[in-house]
Each structure stands twice: as C-alpha cells, then as structure tokens.
C-alpha cells in the first residue's frame, strides 16, 4: 500500500523484460483505501473493490494513495 508517496511497478532481472507489462497483461483490484493508478501518464482513480485492466505493452505503472492516512482493510 503506497500510503507515503507512490510505488512504481518495475521489472526485475529474472523477468528478462525492459518493463513489467512488456509481455504480460495485468489486472489490478483495489482492496484498500481510495487510490490512483497511473499507466503511461494517464491517471485512473480506483475506489474500494474497483478494478483496472492494464494491457500488454504498458511501460510505466505507478500506484498512489489519495489519502495521506490510508489504512488497509
């Protein structure tokens, strides 16, 4: 949970890919406080139990909380 700033989803070396969604799709489900997902510069607001699909080829994915005092549910 990125309560204090933002969290970028990065590829790790064993993935052998330049970015996380280079060869994969991603489904995001918000199970906490209201937040934002930024995909290649476009911001998506997600409330509790809302979902977002990120297609293959997205280069930058950033998670950000909308609340400075976010708490996990």
N, C-alpha and C. Protein backbone atom coordinates (compact mmCIF):
# COMPACT_ATOMS: atom_id res chain seq x y z
N UNK A 1 0.85 -1.18 0.00
CA UNK A 1 0.00 0.00 0.00
C UNK A 1 0.90 1.24 0.00
N UNK A 2 0.82 2.06 -1.01
CA UNK A 2 1.67 3.26 -1.09
C UNK A 2 1.11 4.44 -0.31
N UNK A 3 1.01 4.32 1.02
CA UNK A 3 0.42 5.38 1.83
C UNK A 3 1.31 6.62 1.92
N UNK A 4 2.60 6.43 1.82
CA UNK A 4 3.54 7.54 1.94
C UNK A 4 4.28 7.78 0.64
N UNK A 5 3.61 8.28 -0.35
CA UNK A 5 4.23 8.53 -1.65
C UNK A 5 3.64 7.64 -2.72
N UNK A 6 4.47 7.27 -3.68
CA UNK A 6 3.99 6.42 -4.76
C UNK A 6 4.88 5.21 -4.90
N UNK A 7 4.36 4.20 -5.58
CA UNK A 7 5.07 2.94 -5.76
C UNK A 7 5.02 2.58 -7.24
N UNK A 8 6.18 2.45 -7.86
CA UNK A 8 6.24 2.11 -9.28
C UNK A 8 6.47 0.61 -9.43
N UNK A 9 5.73 0.00 -10.34
CA UNK A 9 5.87 -1.43 -10.62
C UNK A 9 6.98 -1.59 -11.66
N UNK A 10 8.08 -2.19 -11.25
CA UNK A 10 9.24 -2.33 -12.12
C UNK A 10 9.50 -3.79 -12.45
N UNK A 11 10.11 -4.03 -13.60
CA UNK A 11 10.52 -5.38 -13.97
C UNK A 11 11.77 -5.73 -13.17
N UNK A 12 11.85 -6.98 -12.75
CA UNK A 12 13.05 -7.45 -12.07
C UNK A 12 13.88 -8.27 -13.06
N UNK A 13 15.16 -8.43 -12.77
CA UNK A 13 16.07 -9.09 -13.70
C UNK A 13 15.60 -10.47 -14.19
N UNK A 14 15.07 -11.35 -13.32
CA UNK A 14 14.63 -12.67 -13.82
C UNK A 14 13.52 -12.60 -14.87
N UNK A 15 12.82 -11.48 -14.97
CA UNK A 15 11.76 -11.35 -15.98
C UNK A 15 12.33 -11.20 -17.38
N UNK A 16 13.58 -10.76 -17.47
CA UNK A 16 14.24 -10.56 -18.77
C UNK A 16 13.39 -9.68 -19.71
N UNK A 17 12.84 -8.61 -19.14
CA UNK A 17 12.00 -7.69 -19.90
C UNK A 17 12.35 -6.26 -19.49
N UNK A 18 12.24 -5.30 -20.41
CA UNK A 18 12.58 -3.92 -20.07
C UNK A 18 11.57 -3.25 -19.13
N UNK A 19 10.32 -3.71 -19.13
CA UNK A 19 9.30 -3.15 -18.24
C UNK A 19 8.30 -4.26 -17.89
N UNK A 20 7.57 -4.08 -16.80
CA UNK A 20 6.74 -5.14 -16.23
C UNK A 20 5.73 -5.72 -17.21
N UNK A 21 5.02 -4.89 -17.96
CA UNK A 21 3.99 -5.39 -18.89
C UNK A 21 4.50 -5.53 -20.32
N UNK A 22 5.78 -5.73 -20.47
CA UNK A 22 6.35 -5.92 -21.81
C UNK A 22 5.72 -7.12 -22.51
N UNK A 23 5.56 -8.23 -21.79
CA UNK A 23 4.99 -9.45 -22.38
C UNK A 23 3.84 -10.02 -21.57
N UNK A 24 3.20 -9.17 -20.76
CA UNK A 24 2.10 -9.67 -19.93
C UNK A 24 1.05 -8.60 -19.71
N UNK A 25 -0.15 -9.04 -19.39
CA UNK A 25 -1.25 -8.15 -19.03
C UNK A 25 -1.32 -8.11 -17.51
N UNK A 26 -2.10 -7.17 -16.98
CA UNK A 26 -2.16 -7.01 -15.53
C UNK A 26 -3.58 -6.63 -15.12
N UNK A 27 -4.09 -7.27 -14.11
CA UNK A 27 -5.37 -6.91 -13.51
C UNK A 27 -5.11 -6.36 -12.12
N UNK A 28 -5.66 -5.20 -11.82
CA UNK A 28 -5.46 -4.56 -10.52
C UNK A 28 -6.81 -4.45 -9.83
N UNK A 29 -6.89 -4.92 -8.60
CA UNK A 29 -8.11 -4.81 -7.80
C UNK A 29 -7.76 -4.06 -6.53
N UNK A 30 -8.45 -2.98 -6.26
CA UNK A 30 -8.18 -2.19 -5.06
C UNK A 30 -8.90 -2.81 -3.87
N UNK A 31 -8.12 -3.26 -2.91
CA UNK A 31 -8.69 -3.85 -1.70
C UNK A 31 -8.42 -2.97 -0.48
N UNK A 32 -8.08 -1.72 -0.71
CA UNK A 32 -7.79 -0.79 0.38
C UNK A 32 -8.50 0.53 0.18
N UNK A 33 -7.89 1.57 0.69
CA UNK A 33 -8.45 2.92 0.59
C UNK A 33 -8.39 3.42 -0.86
N UNK A 34 -9.14 4.47 -1.14
CA UNK A 34 -9.18 5.04 -2.48
C UNK A 34 -7.77 5.41 -2.92
N UNK A 35 -7.47 5.12 -4.17
CA UNK A 35 -6.14 5.40 -4.68
C UNK A 35 -6.14 5.66 -6.17
N UNK A 36 -4.95 5.81 -6.71
CA UNK A 36 -4.80 6.08 -8.13
C UNK A 36 -3.78 5.12 -8.72
N UNK A 37 -4.00 4.78 -9.97
CA UNK A 37 -3.03 4.03 -10.74
C UNK A 37 -2.72 4.90 -11.95
N UNK A 38 -1.46 5.14 -12.18
CA UNK A 38 -1.03 5.94 -13.32
C UNK A 38 -0.36 4.99 -14.32
N UNK A 39 -0.95 4.89 -15.51
CA UNK A 39 -0.44 4.00 -16.54
C UNK A 39 0.00 4.85 -17.72
N UNK A 40 1.30 4.87 -17.97
CA UNK A 40 1.88 5.65 -19.07
C UNK A 40 1.37 7.09 -19.08
N UNK A 41 1.28 7.70 -17.89
CA UNK A 41 0.89 9.09 -17.77
C UNK A 41 -0.60 9.36 -17.63
N UNK A 42 -1.45 8.35 -17.80
CA UNK A 42 -2.88 8.52 -17.64
C UNK A 42 -3.29 8.05 -16.25
N UNK A 43 -4.00 8.92 -15.50
CA UNK A 43 -4.39 8.60 -14.13
C UNK A 43 -5.78 7.96 -14.09
N UNK A 44 -5.88 6.89 -13.30
CA UNK A 44 -7.15 6.20 -13.08
C UNK A 44 -7.41 6.16 -11.58
N UNK A 45 -8.56 6.64 -11.15
CA UNK A 45 -8.93 6.63 -9.74
C UNK A 45 -9.66 5.33 -9.45
N UNK A 46 -9.25 4.64 -8.39
CA UNK A 46 -9.89 3.38 -8.01
C UNK A 46 -10.36 3.47 -6.57
N UNK A 47 -11.64 3.20 -6.36
CA UNK A 47 -12.20 3.14 -5.03
C UNK A 47 -12.14 1.68 -4.55
N UNK A 48 -12.51 1.44 -3.31
CA UNK A 48 -12.51 0.09 -2.75
C UNK A 48 -13.32 -0.87 -3.62
N UNK A 49 -12.75 -2.00 -3.94
CA UNK A 49 -13.33 -3.09 -4.75
C UNK A 49 -13.48 -2.74 -6.23
N UNK A 50 -12.86 -1.68 -6.71
CA UNK A 50 -12.87 -1.39 -8.14
C UNK A 50 -11.63 -2.01 -8.77
N UNK A 51 -11.71 -2.26 -10.08
CA UNK A 51 -10.63 -2.94 -10.79
C UNK A 51 -10.20 -2.16 -12.02
N UNK A 52 -8.98 -2.45 -12.46
CA UNK A 52 -8.42 -1.82 -13.66
C UNK A 52 -7.65 -2.88 -14.43
N UNK A 53 -7.86 -2.93 -15.74
CA UNK A 53 -7.11 -3.82 -16.62
C UNK A 53 -6.00 -3.01 -17.28
N UNK A 54 -4.78 -3.52 -17.26
CA UNK A 54 -3.65 -2.89 -17.94
C UNK A 54 -3.17 -3.86 -19.01
N UNK A 55 -3.22 -3.43 -20.24
CA UNK A 55 -2.86 -4.29 -21.36
C UNK A 55 -1.37 -4.47 -21.54
N UNK A 56 -1.02 -5.49 -22.30
CA UNK A 56 0.37 -5.77 -22.62
C UNK A 56 0.97 -4.57 -23.35
N UNK A 57 2.19 -4.22 -22.99
CA UNK A 57 2.89 -3.12 -23.64
C UNK A 57 2.93 -1.83 -22.83
N UNK A 58 2.17 -1.75 -21.74
CA UNK A 58 2.22 -0.55 -20.89
C UNK A 58 3.63 -0.46 -20.30
N UNK A 59 4.23 0.73 -20.38
CA UNK A 59 5.63 0.87 -19.97
C UNK A 59 5.81 1.32 -18.53
N UNK A 60 4.90 2.14 -18.01
CA UNK A 60 5.07 2.65 -16.65
C UNK A 60 3.75 2.52 -15.88
N UNK A 61 3.84 1.88 -14.71
CA UNK A 61 2.67 1.69 -13.85
C UNK A 61 3.04 2.17 -12.45
N UNK A 62 2.29 3.14 -11.96
CA UNK A 62 2.57 3.73 -10.65
C UNK A 62 1.30 3.67 -9.80
N UNK A 63 1.45 3.22 -8.56
CA UNK A 63 0.35 3.19 -7.60
C UNK A 63 0.53 4.36 -6.65
N UNK A 64 -0.59 5.04 -6.33
CA UNK A 64 -0.53 6.20 -5.45
C UNK A 64 -1.80 6.26 -4.62
N UNK A 65 -1.65 6.50 -3.32
CA UNK A 65 -2.81 6.64 -2.44
C UNK A 65 -3.35 8.06 -2.54
N UNK A 66 -4.67 8.23 -2.46
CA UNK A 66 -5.26 9.57 -2.45
C UNK A 66 -5.33 10.13 -1.05
N UNK A 67 -5.05 9.30 -0.05
CA UNK A 67 -5.14 9.72 1.35
C UNK A 67 -3.76 9.58 2.01
N UNK A 68 -3.37 10.61 2.72
CA UNK A 68 -2.10 10.55 3.44
C UNK A 68 -2.18 9.63 4.65
N UNK A 69 -3.39 9.33 5.10
CA UNK A 69 -3.58 8.46 6.26
C UNK A 69 -4.30 7.19 5.85
N UNK A 70 -3.97 6.66 4.69
CA UNK A 70 -4.63 5.45 4.20
C UNK A 70 -4.37 4.27 5.13
N UNK A 71 -5.39 3.45 5.30
CA UNK A 71 -5.24 2.25 6.12
C UNK A 71 -5.72 1.05 5.33
N UNK A 72 -5.11 -0.07 5.54
CA UNK A 72 -5.51 -1.29 4.84
C UNK A 72 -6.82 -1.80 5.42
N UNK A 73 -7.63 -2.42 4.57
CA UNK A 73 -8.88 -3.01 5.04
C UNK A 73 -8.72 -4.49 5.19
